[in-house]
Amino acid sequence: MKIRPIQFSAFVTDVAPALKQSGAIRFGVERECLRCDQSGMIAQTDHPTTLGATLTHPLITTDYSEALLELITPPLDTADELLDSLERIHRYVSQNLAEGETLWPASMPCRLDGPDSIRIAEYGPSNIGQMKHIYRRGLETRYGRTMQSIAGLHFNFSLSETFWSSYLALAGATLAPPPRVTAENGCQSNDDMLRSEAYFGLIRNFRRWSWLLMYLFGASPVVDKSFLQQQPHKLTDFGNENFGLPWATSLRMGDIGYKNNAQDSLNICFNHLDSYTQTLYNATHTPYPRYQAIGMKKDGAYLQLNTHILQIENEYYSSVRPKRVARSGEKPTAALRRGGVEYIEVRCLDINPFLPLGADADQVSFMELFLVTCLFAKSPYISIEDCHHIDSNFASVVNAGRQPGLELSVPGEEGYESIALTSWGHTILDAMQVTADLIAGDVAGRRPEDYAKAISMARARLEDAALTPSAMVLDQLQDQRFIDWGLRLAAEHQAELHSQRCDAEDRQRFADAARQSLEDAAAIAAADEVDFDTFLERYMADSPIGEQD
């Protein structure tokens, strides 16, 4: 089958120049990484006090585990600014770890000594801090701790109000929101609703094409045997205590990673804002029999926040999320319904273990182009049948993306047809080249040569799977243990990050941020006026109190 070129919306040529302005595209990164000791064991120490309070620090926090750091850049304009910010955070963190600890370089974890070796993150005595901890206790209760030791790279993407003014003026007639999305239902203005509709169009195309990201950037085809204790799996024993799949790209996004059966029935709809928020709301208010059987408490201690399909909205595992910065205590879906989508969070990216920061400029440039292309291309609504094929394509590439001759499903003249992964990949890259030609310009720091290099990298990996990170990982692990390999890379990255000391300005800035975060966390605890049971009861009653991750 010959695949048809990707069709762009008619107004794209007219609106694209708006992206050449400085600040038109903004992106940030949330990079997760485990702390490990010199033997490759997950760290058992507390989060370093020198890094501040995880509840309130804007740049340095933890995810599920006390050892699972999350390093967060602010929204920035260019790949150069983004990587500079991420490097400064990495350098400060690496130079303030406990003696003998390093940052584990891969998405799949270092050595584990059973579930109890994965300490659940602590966020202090405040009600909101307790809620964050109990939420994670609920994740353990529902899915086990092991899955929560996996690390990833989240990529946040937004477009400026100046761009949206131009875009909506040209595209508004083609982006009429669905009838159920009204100002009374949440969004404050017609522009908010139309912007949300455009972002959801981006998300639909992202879901159609995100298998390509798994092929190009997947970097977790192998895991240490300690991860698999008491866990059923279908992985191959590669020897040297390594398990994996021979053609896999990302075990992290497969059956042993961020996946669970309880959420399979949710049928989260990404066609428009109202259906998305309503489905998530229902999931956080619908009891689930297995969780009811577990109960909320045991011997007076909380096991989970509630017995619903989802404890909170953030429990829904998705490769991409529409988001808005929430007000203090505001739930994520309430924020979306109040003001519409503000930015997109990409959640399916593995950490590149060969890079100290987990990503590089080529990947950032690629992601920027990919997401703008998802916005510019036509994006019809996704049917239930479409969802089946989208999920099947994604799973095929996660589990066997480098298998020679692999074919995926694509809409044809008479239903779905098979197409070679490489052919479809080049078609997407062709569309990205069109986007690059439309938006590249030195004024905004988006250089044509950067985009050309990113596309060239992707084409080379499509033509030769040995160039993909997943293949490179497998190649290096033919005669050594995953743990030994990871420790070697961790030491190399640490040496590079320590080769240049933080300058005085950075040291002072991070020290001030740490001190302020500790003061803020203490102030939150001191301001609590009710006990935790009352706090949680109000949360369940849809008060404005809620967790923000």
Protein backbone atom coordinates (compact mmCIF):
# COMPACT_ATOMS: atom_id res chain seq x y z
CA MET A 1 0.00 0.00 0.00
CA LYS A 2 1.18 3.52 -0.81
CA ILE A 3 0.32 5.85 2.03
CA ARG A 4 -1.18 9.23 1.23
CA PRO A 5 0.68 12.41 2.22
CA ILE A 6 -0.48 14.01 5.47
CA GLN A 7 -2.95 16.78 4.76
CA PHE A 8 -2.52 20.17 6.42
CA SER A 9 -5.31 22.55 7.35
CA ALA A 10 -5.97 25.18 4.68
CA PHE A 11 -5.03 28.17 6.86
CA VAL A 12 -1.64 26.85 8.00
CA THR A 13 0.43 28.82 5.49
CA ASP A 14 -1.13 32.07 6.71
CA VAL A 15 -0.78 31.33 10.43
CA ALA A 16 2.71 29.77 10.40
CA PRO A 17 4.61 33.11 10.36
CA ALA A 18 3.24 33.81 13.84
CA LEU A 19 5.47 30.99 15.13
CA LYS A 20 8.56 32.81 13.88
CA GLN A 21 8.12 35.43 16.60
CA SER A 22 10.20 35.19 19.75
CA GLY A 23 8.39 33.33 22.50
CA ALA A 24 5.73 31.87 20.21
CA ILE A 25 6.65 28.31 21.21
CA ARG A 26 7.41 27.43 24.81
CA PHE A 27 8.55 24.11 26.18
CA GLY A 28 9.83 22.58 29.38
CA VAL A 29 11.07 19.23 30.61
CA GLU A 30 10.42 17.11 33.69
CA ARG A 31 13.24 14.58 33.95
CA GLU A 32 12.89 11.72 36.44
CA CYS A 33 15.86 9.72 37.71
CA LEU A 34 16.54 7.37 40.59
CA ARG A 35 19.26 7.92 43.15
CA CYS A 36 21.35 4.79 43.52
CA ASP A 37 24.29 3.71 45.67
CA GLN A 38 27.72 2.45 44.63
CA SER A 39 26.50 -1.13 44.26
CA GLY A 40 23.68 -0.14 41.91
CA MET A 41 21.00 -0.54 44.58
CA ILE A 42 18.15 1.96 44.78
CA ALA A 43 19.04 4.57 47.43
CA GLN A 44 17.52 4.16 50.90
CA THR A 45 18.43 7.64 52.13
CA ASP A 46 16.07 10.56 52.61
CA HIS A 47 15.72 13.20 49.92
CA PRO A 48 18.70 15.53 50.56
CA THR A 49 17.78 18.52 52.72
CA THR A 50 20.15 20.65 50.63
CA LEU A 51 17.73 20.16 47.72
CA GLY A 52 14.83 21.65 49.66
CA ALA A 53 11.29 20.48 50.36
CA THR A 54 9.78 18.21 47.72
CA LEU A 55 6.31 19.57 48.49
CA THR A 56 7.11 23.13 47.48
CA HIS A 57 10.35 23.34 45.47
CA PRO A 58 9.55 24.55 41.92
CA LEU A 59 12.51 22.81 40.23
CA ILE A 60 13.48 19.77 42.32
CA THR A 61 10.97 17.29 43.72
CA THR A 62 10.25 13.55 43.77
CA ASP A 63 7.70 11.39 42.01
CA TYR A 64 6.58 8.08 43.50
CA SER A 65 9.66 7.01 45.42
CA GLU A 66 11.77 8.92 47.90
CA ALA A 67 14.68 8.02 45.61
CA LEU A 68 12.94 9.05 42.35
CA LEU A 69 14.02 12.63 41.71
CA GLU A 70 12.09 14.84 39.32
CA LEU A 71 13.99 17.80 37.86
CA ILE A 72 11.78 20.48 36.33
CA THR A 73 12.68 23.31 34.00
CA PRO A 74 10.46 26.38 33.65
CA PRO A 75 8.82 26.99 30.24
CA LEU A 76 11.50 28.31 27.86
CA ASP A 77 11.70 29.56 24.27
CA THR A 78 14.49 27.58 22.63
CA ALA A 79 16.20 24.19 22.79
CA ASP A 80 19.43 25.91 23.87
CA GLU A 81 17.72 27.63 26.81
CA LEU A 82 15.92 24.44 27.80
CA LEU A 83 19.04 22.28 27.87
CA ASP A 84 21.05 24.98 29.65
CA SER A 85 18.41 25.16 32.38
CA LEU A 86 18.22 21.38 32.70
CA GLU A 87 22.00 21.11 32.88
CA ARG A 88 22.23 23.69 35.66
CA ILE A 89 19.63 21.80 37.73
CA HIS A 90 21.39 18.48 37.07
CA ARG A 91 24.77 19.88 38.02
CA TYR A 92 23.53 21.30 41.32
CA VAL A 93 21.63 18.12 42.21
CA SER A 94 24.51 15.82 41.28
CA GLN A 95 26.92 17.86 43.38
CA ASN A 96 24.59 17.76 46.41
CA LEU A 97 23.79 14.05 46.62
CA ALA A 98 24.75 11.93 49.62
CA GLU A 99 28.27 10.51 49.58
CA GLY A 100 28.52 7.56 47.21
CA GLU A 101 25.22 8.20 45.43
CA THR A 102 24.74 8.84 41.72
CA LEU A 103 21.88 9.45 39.31
CA TRP A 104 20.80 6.22 37.62
CA PRO A 105 20.95 6.89 33.84
CA ALA A 106 18.15 4.64 32.49
CA SER A 107 14.36 4.53 32.56
CA MET A 108 14.19 0.96 33.86
CA PRO A 109 15.45 0.92 37.43
CA CYS A 110 18.68 -0.05 39.09
CA ARG A 111 18.81 -3.06 41.41
CA LEU A 112 15.83 -3.53 43.71
CA ASP A 113 15.69 -5.66 46.84
CA GLY A 114 12.00 -6.43 46.74
CA PRO A 115 9.15 -3.89 46.94
CA ASP A 116 10.16 -2.68 50.41
CA SER A 117 13.40 -1.29 48.97
CA ILE A 118 11.32 1.29 47.05
CA ARG A 119 10.57 3.86 49.75
CA ILE A 120 7.36 5.77 49.12
CA ALA A 121 8.02 9.51 48.87
CA GLU A 122 7.41 11.69 51.93
CA TYR A 123 6.07 15.23 51.70
CA GLY A 124 5.90 16.35 55.31
CA PRO A 125 3.19 16.57 58.00
CA SER A 126 0.81 19.00 56.29
CA ASN A 127 -2.55 17.74 55.09
CA ILE A 128 -1.61 18.16 51.44
CA GLY A 129 1.74 16.47 52.11
CA GLN A 130 -0.01 13.52 53.75
CA MET A 131 -2.41 13.33 50.84
CA LYS A 132 0.43 13.12 48.34
CA HIS A 133 2.00 10.30 50.36
CA ILE A 134 -1.25 8.37 50.78
CA TYR A 135 -2.02 8.74 47.08
CA ARG A 136 1.28 6.98 46.41
CA ARG A 137 0.42 4.41 49.06
CA GLY A 138 -2.73 3.82 47.03
CA LEU A 139 -0.67 3.26 43.90
CA GLU A 140 1.23 0.58 45.81
CA THR A 141 -2.01 -0.99 47.02
CA ARG A 142 -3.43 -1.09 43.50
CA TYR A 143 -0.45 -1.81 41.26
CA GLY A 144 2.48 -2.68 43.49
CA ARG A 145 5.59 -0.63 44.19
CA THR A 146 7.82 -2.08 41.47
CA MET A 147 6.17 -0.24 38.59
CA GLN A 148 6.65 3.01 40.48
CA SER A 149 10.45 2.75 40.28
CA ILE A 150 10.44 3.44 36.51
CA ALA A 151 11.64 6.86 35.32
CA GLY A 152 10.70 8.89 32.26
CA LEU A 153 11.07 12.20 30.50
CA HIS A 154 8.03 14.48 30.25
CA PHE A 155 7.97 17.18 27.58
CA ASN A 156 5.68 20.19 28.07
CA PHE A 157 4.62 22.25 25.04
CA SER A 158 2.59 25.44 24.69
CA LEU A 159 2.00 28.26 22.23
CA SER A 160 1.80 31.98 22.98
CA GLU A 161 -1.33 34.09 23.20
CA THR A 162 -0.01 36.10 20.25
CA PHE A 163 0.08 32.97 18.13
CA TRP A 164 -3.39 31.91 19.26
CA SER A 165 -4.84 35.29 18.38
CA SER A 166 -3.59 34.87 14.83
CA TYR A 167 -4.50 31.17 14.66
CA LEU A 168 -8.05 31.54 15.95
CA ALA A 169 -8.77 34.52 13.71
CA LEU A 170 -8.02 32.32 10.70
CA ALA A 171 -9.14 28.92 11.98
CA GLY A 172 -12.12 29.77 14.16
CA ALA A 173 -14.70 28.92 11.53
CA THR A 174 -13.30 25.38 11.21
CA LEU A 175 -12.91 24.82 14.95
CA ALA A 176 -16.47 25.30 16.14
CA PRO A 177 -16.58 23.57 19.52
CA PRO A 178 -18.91 20.63 20.10
CA PRO A 179 -22.36 21.71 21.33
CA ARG A 180 -21.80 20.39 24.86
CA VAL A 181 -18.73 22.57 25.39
CA THR A 182 -20.19 25.89 26.49
CA ALA A 183 -19.16 28.76 28.69
CA GLU A 184 -21.55 27.43 31.35
CA ASN A 185 -19.74 24.08 31.26
CA GLY A 186 -16.46 25.64 32.25
CA CYS A 187 -14.48 27.61 29.63
CA GLN A 188 -14.55 31.35 30.14
CA SER A 189 -14.61 32.51 26.54
CA ASN A 190 -15.16 31.37 22.99
CA ASP A 191 -11.43 31.72 22.35
CA ASP A 192 -10.68 29.43 25.30
CA MET A 193 -12.98 26.80 23.83
CA LEU A 194 -11.53 27.10 20.35
CA ARG A 195 -7.97 26.93 21.65
CA SER A 196 -8.86 23.78 23.57
CA GLU A 197 -10.39 22.28 20.43
CA ALA A 198 -7.15 22.97 18.54
CA TYR A 199 -5.03 21.40 21.30
CA PHE A 200 -7.25 18.33 21.28
CA GLY A 201 -6.72 18.09 17.52
CA LEU A 202 -3.00 18.07 18.26
CA ILE A 203 -3.51 15.32 20.84
CA ARG A 204 -5.47 13.15 18.41
CA ASN A 205 -2.69 13.31 15.84
CA PHE A 206 -0.15 12.70 18.57
CA ARG A 207 -1.94 9.49 19.48
CA ARG A 208 -2.01 8.42 15.83
CA TRP A 209 1.71 8.99 15.35
CA SER A 210 3.30 8.56 18.80
CA TRP A 211 4.48 5.06 17.84
CA LEU A 212 7.20 6.91 15.88
CA LEU A 213 8.52 8.42 19.12
CA MET A 214 8.76 4.93 20.61
CA TYR A 215 10.79 3.74 17.61
CA LEU A 216 13.10 6.76 17.47
CA PHE A 217 13.63 7.43 21.19
CA GLY A 218 12.66 4.26 23.03
CA ALA A 219 15.65 3.24 25.15
CA SER A 220 14.44 0.57 27.57
CA PRO A 221 14.53 -2.88 25.90
CA VAL A 222 16.21 -4.54 28.92
CA VAL A 223 15.62 -4.72 32.66
CA ASP A 224 17.54 -6.21 35.59
CA LYS A 225 16.09 -9.45 36.94
CA SER A 226 15.45 -7.85 40.35
CA PHE A 227 12.64 -5.84 38.77
CA LEU A 228 10.75 -9.03 37.97
CA GLN A 229 10.54 -10.56 41.43
CA GLN A 230 7.09 -12.08 42.00
CA GLN A 231 5.88 -10.54 38.73
CA PRO A 232 4.58 -12.59 35.79
CA HIS A 233 6.18 -11.65 32.49
CA LYS A 234 6.91 -12.81 28.97
CA LEU A 235 10.43 -11.44 28.71
CA THR A 236 13.41 -13.33 27.34
CA ASP A 237 16.33 -14.27 29.58
CA PHE A 238 19.33 -12.68 27.83
CA GLY A 239 21.81 -13.98 30.40
CA ASN A 240 23.92 -11.82 32.73
CA GLU A 241 20.79 -11.27 34.85
CA ASN A 242 19.27 -9.25 31.98
CA PHE A 243 15.73 -9.75 30.73
CA GLY A 244 14.03 -8.09 27.76
CA LEU A 245 12.58 -8.53 24.29
CA PRO A 246 14.87 -8.80 21.26
CA TRP A 247 13.06 -6.21 19.10
CA ALA A 248 11.60 -4.04 21.90
CA THR A 249 12.00 -0.28 22.01
CA SER A 250 10.45 0.62 25.39
CA LEU A 251 9.59 -1.92 28.08
CA ARG A 252 8.65 1.10 30.17
CA MET A 253 5.60 1.68 27.99
CA GLY A 254 4.70 -2.01 27.72
CA ASP A 255 2.95 -4.57 29.90
CA ILE A 256 5.51 -4.46 32.74
CA GLY A 257 5.58 -0.67 32.74
CA TYR A 258 2.92 1.99 33.12
CA LYS A 259 -0.13 -0.07 32.30
CA ASN A 260 -2.99 -1.48 34.36
CA ASN A 261 -6.17 -3.38 33.59
CA ALA A 262 -8.47 -1.35 35.84
CA GLN A 263 -8.12 1.65 33.53
CA ASP A 264 -8.67 -0.28 30.29
CA SER A 265 -12.43 0.16 30.59
CA LEU A 266 -12.31 3.94 31.00
CA ASN A 267 -12.42 4.71 27.26
CA ILE A 268 -11.02 8.18 27.84
CA CYS A 269 -12.12 10.28 24.88
CA PHE A 270 -9.67 12.79 23.43
CA ASN A 271 -12.11 14.23 20.91
CA HIS A 272 -12.91 17.34 22.91
CA LEU A 273 -12.55 18.93 26.32
CA ASP A 274 -15.96 18.14 27.75
CA SER A 275 -15.87 14.41 27.07
CA TYR A 276 -12.31 14.17 28.39
CA THR A 277 -12.99 15.94 31.68
CA GLN A 278 -16.34 14.21 32.19
CA THR A 279 -14.82 10.76 31.70
CA LEU A 280 -12.05 11.49 34.19
CA TYR A 281 -14.56 12.93 36.66
CA ASN A 282 -16.65 9.77 36.41
CA ALA A 283 -13.57 7.59 36.99
CA THR A 284 -12.74 9.46 40.21
CA HIS A 285 -16.32 9.00 41.45
CA THR A 286 -17.08 5.41 40.39
CA PRO A 287 -16.37 2.65 42.94
CA TYR A 288 -14.28 -0.29 41.74
CA PRO A 289 -15.11 -3.67 43.35
CA ARG A 290 -11.52 -4.86 43.82
CA TYR A 291 -10.51 -1.59 45.48
CA GLN A 292 -13.65 -1.68 47.62
CA ALA A 293 -12.63 -5.14 48.81
CA ILE A 294 -9.24 -3.76 49.88
CA GLY A 295 -10.81 -0.88 51.77
CA MET A 296 -9.47 2.58 52.52
CA LYS A 297 -7.78 1.78 55.85
CA LYS A 298 -6.14 -1.08 57.66
CA ASP A 299 -5.55 -0.88 61.40
CA GLY A 300 -6.36 2.83 61.24
CA ALA A 301 -3.77 3.62 58.53
CA TYR A 302 -4.77 4.73 55.06
CA LEU A 303 -4.19 2.29 52.21
CA GLN A 304 -5.61 4.57 49.50
CA LEU A 305 -7.46 7.85 49.17
CA ASN A 306 -10.69 6.18 48.08
CA THR A 307 -11.99 3.00 46.45
CA HIS A 308 -12.84 4.49 43.06
CA ILE A 309 -11.41 3.53 39.67
CA LEU A 310 -9.03 6.46 40.05
CA GLN A 311 -8.06 8.00 43.38
CA ILE A 312 -7.39 11.31 41.64
CA GLU A 313 -7.23 12.35 38.00
CA ASN A 314 -3.45 12.10 37.79
CA GLU A 315 -3.67 8.36 38.36
CA TYR A 316 -4.83 7.95 34.76
CA TYR A 317 -1.82 6.71 32.80
CA SER A 318 -1.66 8.31 29.39
CA SER A 319 1.09 9.03 26.89
CA VAL A 320 -0.16 12.61 26.54
CA ARG A 321 -2.24 14.96 28.71
CA PRO A 322 -3.98 18.29 28.14
CA LYS A 323 -3.14 20.57 31.07
CA ARG A 324 -3.63 23.97 32.66
CA VAL A 325 -1.73 25.41 35.59
CA ALA A 326 -4.11 24.96 38.50
CA ARG A 327 -4.86 27.54 41.13
CA SER A 328 -4.03 26.73 44.74
CA GLY A 329 -6.00 23.62 45.66
CA GLU A 330 -7.73 23.31 42.28
CA LYS A 331 -8.17 19.90 40.66
CA PRO A 332 -6.69 19.41 37.17
CA THR A 333 -10.03 18.84 35.42
CA ALA A 334 -11.56 21.81 37.24
CA ALA A 335 -8.73 23.98 35.93
CA LEU A 336 -9.33 22.68 32.39
CA ARG A 337 -13.05 23.36 32.59
CA ARG A 338 -12.41 26.82 34.01
CA GLY A 339 -10.03 28.08 31.37
CA GLY A 340 -9.42 25.42 28.74
CA VAL A 341 -6.18 23.75 27.71
CA GLU A 342 -3.04 25.78 28.37
CA TYR A 343 -0.33 23.32 27.41
CA ILE A 344 0.34 19.71 26.41
CA GLU A 345 2.34 17.23 28.49
CA VAL A 346 4.03 14.38 26.57
CA ARG A 347 4.64 11.47 28.96
CA CYS A 348 5.83 8.53 26.84
CA LEU A 349 9.50 9.40 26.35
CA ASP A 350 12.27 7.22 27.76
CA ILE A 351 15.43 8.65 29.26
CA ASN A 352 18.35 8.31 26.87
CA PRO A 353 20.91 6.55 29.12
CA PHE A 354 23.85 7.64 26.96
CA LEU A 355 23.24 11.33 27.71
CA PRO A 356 23.88 13.06 31.07
CA LEU A 357 20.63 15.02 30.76
CA GLY A 358 18.61 12.14 29.31
CA ALA A 359 17.94 14.05 26.07
CA ASP A 360 19.76 16.31 23.61
CA ALA A 361 19.12 19.21 21.25
CA ASP A 362 18.19 16.97 18.31
CA GLN A 363 15.40 15.36 20.31
CA VAL A 364 14.10 18.71 21.57
CA SER A 365 14.04 20.10 18.02
CA PHE A 366 12.34 16.95 16.80
CA MET A 367 9.67 17.11 19.50
CA GLU A 368 8.98 20.75 18.71
CA LEU A 369 8.51 20.00 15.01
CA PHE A 370 6.49 16.86 15.71
CA LEU A 371 4.02 18.66 17.97
CA VAL A 372 3.57 21.65 15.67
CA THR A 373 2.92 19.22 12.81
CA CYS A 374 0.33 17.46 14.96
CA LEU A 375 -1.37 20.84 15.36
CA PHE A 376 -1.13 21.89 11.71
CA ALA A 377 -2.32 18.60 10.18
CA LYS A 378 -6.00 17.79 9.76
CA SER A 379 -7.23 15.78 12.73
CA PRO A 380 -10.64 14.08 12.45
CA TYR A 381 -12.29 12.71 15.56
CA ILE A 382 -11.17 9.27 16.72
CA SER A 383 -13.71 6.44 16.72
CA ILE A 384 -13.67 3.35 18.94
CA GLU A 385 -12.30 1.38 15.97
CA ASP A 386 -9.60 4.03 15.48
CA CYS A 387 -8.65 3.69 19.16
CA HIS A 388 -8.17 -0.05 18.72
CA HIS A 389 -5.77 0.42 15.81
CA ILE A 390 -3.94 3.32 17.50
CA ASP A 391 -3.35 1.24 20.63
CA SER A 392 -2.33 -1.79 18.58
CA ASN A 393 0.22 0.22 16.57
CA PHE A 394 1.71 1.68 19.73
CA ALA A 395 1.99 -1.71 21.42
CA SER A 396 3.55 -3.28 18.32
CA VAL A 397 6.34 -0.71 18.24
CA VAL A 398 6.88 -0.82 22.01
CA ASN A 399 7.30 -4.60 21.95
CA ALA A 400 8.87 -5.21 18.53
CA GLY A 401 9.47 -1.88 16.82
CA ARG A 402 12.84 -2.84 15.33
CA GLN A 403 11.64 -6.16 13.89
CA PRO A 404 12.46 -6.16 10.15
CA GLY A 405 9.40 -5.70 7.97
CA LEU A 406 7.09 -4.68 10.81
CA GLU A 407 3.77 -3.37 9.51
CA LEU A 408 1.23 -1.09 11.17
CA SER A 409 -2.43 -0.28 10.50
CA VAL A 410 -3.40 2.90 8.70
CA PRO A 411 -6.76 4.15 7.37
CA GLY A 412 -7.20 3.33 3.68
CA GLU A 413 -9.85 3.73 1.02
CA GLU A 414 -11.85 0.79 2.36
CA GLY A 415 -11.08 0.51 6.06
CA TYR A 416 -7.72 -0.09 7.69
CA GLU A 417 -4.81 -1.48 5.72
CA SER A 418 -1.25 -2.53 6.51
CA ILE A 419 1.74 -0.29 5.85
CA ALA A 420 5.43 -0.75 6.52
CA LEU A 421 6.57 1.12 9.62
CA THR A 422 9.41 2.72 7.68
CA SER A 423 7.10 4.00 4.91
CA TRP A 424 4.70 5.58 7.36
CA GLY A 425 7.57 7.03 9.35
CA HIS A 426 9.02 8.77 6.31
CA THR A 427 5.56 10.14 5.47
CA ILE A 428 5.35 11.75 8.91
CA LEU A 429 8.86 13.14 8.48
CA ASP A 430 7.85 14.57 5.09
CA ALA A 431 5.07 16.48 6.85
CA MET A 432 7.49 17.65 9.52
CA GLN A 433 9.77 18.99 6.80
CA VAL A 434 6.86 21.07 5.50
CA THR A 435 6.37 22.42 9.03
CA ALA A 436 10.08 23.20 9.33
CA ASP A 437 10.01 25.16 6.08
CA LEU A 438 7.06 27.17 7.39
CA ILE A 439 8.28 28.09 10.88
CA ALA A 440 12.10 28.07 10.86
CA GLY A 441 13.72 31.44 11.37
CA ASP A 442 16.65 32.93 13.26
CA VAL A 443 14.48 35.59 14.92
CA ALA A 444 12.87 33.06 17.27
CA GLY A 445 15.97 30.92 17.66
CA ARG A 446 14.51 28.09 15.60
CA ARG A 447 17.31 27.57 13.12
CA PRO A 448 16.64 25.71 9.85
CA GLU A 449 19.82 23.70 10.33
CA ASP A 450 18.60 22.45 13.73
CA TYR A 451 15.39 21.14 12.21
CA ALA A 452 17.27 19.64 9.27
CA LYS A 453 19.59 17.80 11.64
CA ALA A 454 16.70 16.45 13.71
CA ILE A 455 14.85 15.15 10.63
CA SER A 456 18.04 13.68 9.21
CA MET A 457 18.64 11.84 12.49
CA ALA A 458 15.14 10.39 12.35
CA ARG A 459 15.43 9.28 8.72
CA ALA A 460 18.73 7.57 9.46
CA ARG A 461 17.19 5.63 12.34
CA LEU A 462 14.26 4.59 10.16
CA GLU A 463 16.64 3.24 7.55
CA ASP A 464 18.95 1.54 10.06
CA ALA A 465 17.37 0.33 13.30
CA ALA A 466 20.86 -0.26 14.74
CA LEU A 467 21.11 3.51 15.21
CA THR A 468 18.15 3.68 17.59
CA PRO A 469 18.86 4.02 21.33
CA SER A 470 17.10 0.71 22.07
CA ALA A 471 19.36 -1.16 19.64
CA MET A 472 22.44 0.55 21.04
CA VAL A 473 21.46 -0.48 24.58
CA LEU A 474 21.05 -4.11 23.54
CA ASP A 475 24.33 -4.07 21.65
CA GLN A 476 26.24 -2.88 24.71
CA LEU A 477 24.56 -5.42 26.98
CA GLN A 478 25.55 -8.51 25.04
CA ASP A 479 28.34 -9.36 27.46
CA GLN A 480 27.64 -7.41 30.65
CA ARG A 481 25.01 -6.96 33.32
CA PHE A 482 22.48 -4.14 33.05
CA ILE A 483 23.48 -3.03 36.55
CA ASP A 484 27.21 -2.86 35.78
CA TRP A 485 26.52 -1.03 32.51
CA GLY A 486 24.25 1.48 34.24
CA LEU A 487 26.78 2.14 37.01
CA ARG A 488 29.50 2.81 34.44
CA LEU A 489 27.31 5.33 32.60
CA ALA A 490 26.19 6.90 35.87
CA ALA A 491 29.83 7.43 36.88
CA GLU A 492 30.66 8.93 33.48
CA HIS A 493 27.70 11.31 33.64
CA GLN A 494 28.53 12.28 37.21
CA ALA A 495 32.14 13.02 36.25
CA GLU A 496 30.92 15.24 33.42
CA LEU A 497 28.47 17.07 35.68
CA HIS A 498 31.18 17.51 38.33
CA SER A 499 33.81 18.67 35.85
CA GLN A 500 32.42 22.19 36.12
CA ARG A 501 31.39 23.47 39.52
CA CYS A 502 28.18 25.44 39.83
CA ASP A 503 29.02 29.13 39.59
CA ALA A 504 28.42 31.36 42.59
CA GLU A 505 25.18 32.76 41.17
CA ASP A 506 23.69 29.29 40.60
CA ARG A 507 24.79 28.06 44.02
CA GLN A 508 23.13 31.03 45.67
CA ARG A 509 19.99 30.74 43.54
CA PHE A 510 19.49 27.04 44.29
CA ALA A 511 20.34 27.46 47.96
CA ASP A 512 17.78 30.27 48.24
CA ALA A 513 15.17 28.15 46.45
CA ALA A 514 15.82 25.22 48.81
CA ARG A 515 15.58 27.42 51.90
CA GLN A 516 12.40 29.09 50.63
CA SER A 517 10.80 25.75 49.83
CA LEU A 518 11.47 24.50 53.38
CA GLU A 519 9.92 27.67 54.82
CA ASP A 520 6.91 27.36 52.49
CA ALA A 521 6.34 23.72 53.42
CA ALA A 522 6.47 24.60 57.13
CA ALA A 523 4.03 27.47 56.59
CA ILE A 524 1.56 25.17 54.80
CA ALA A 525 1.66 22.72 57.70
CA ALA A 526 1.20 25.53 60.24
CA ALA A 527 -1.80 26.88 58.34
CA ASP A 528 -3.77 23.61 58.44
CA GLU A 529 -7.00 24.21 60.36
CA VAL A 530 -8.56 20.72 60.24
CA ASP A 531 -7.34 17.18 60.80
CA PHE A 532 -6.47 14.98 57.82
CA ASP A 533 -9.70 12.95 57.91
CA THR A 534 -11.73 16.16 57.57
CA PHE A 535 -9.40 17.46 54.89
CA LEU A 536 -9.82 14.27 52.83
CA GLU A 537 -13.58 14.22 53.34
CA ARG A 538 -13.80 17.75 51.93
CA TYR A 539 -11.62 16.73 49.02
CA MET A 540 -13.91 13.82 48.21
CA ALA A 541 -16.86 16.19 48.41
CA ASP A 542 -15.34 18.17 45.54
CA SER A 543 -14.15 21.08 47.63
CA PRO A 544 -11.47 23.20 45.88
CA ILE A 545 -8.80 21.24 47.74
CA GLY A 546 -6.89 18.79 45.56
CA GLU A 547 -3.52 17.38 44.68
CA GLN A 548 -1.38 18.98 42.03
CA ASP A 549 1.44 16.89 40.55
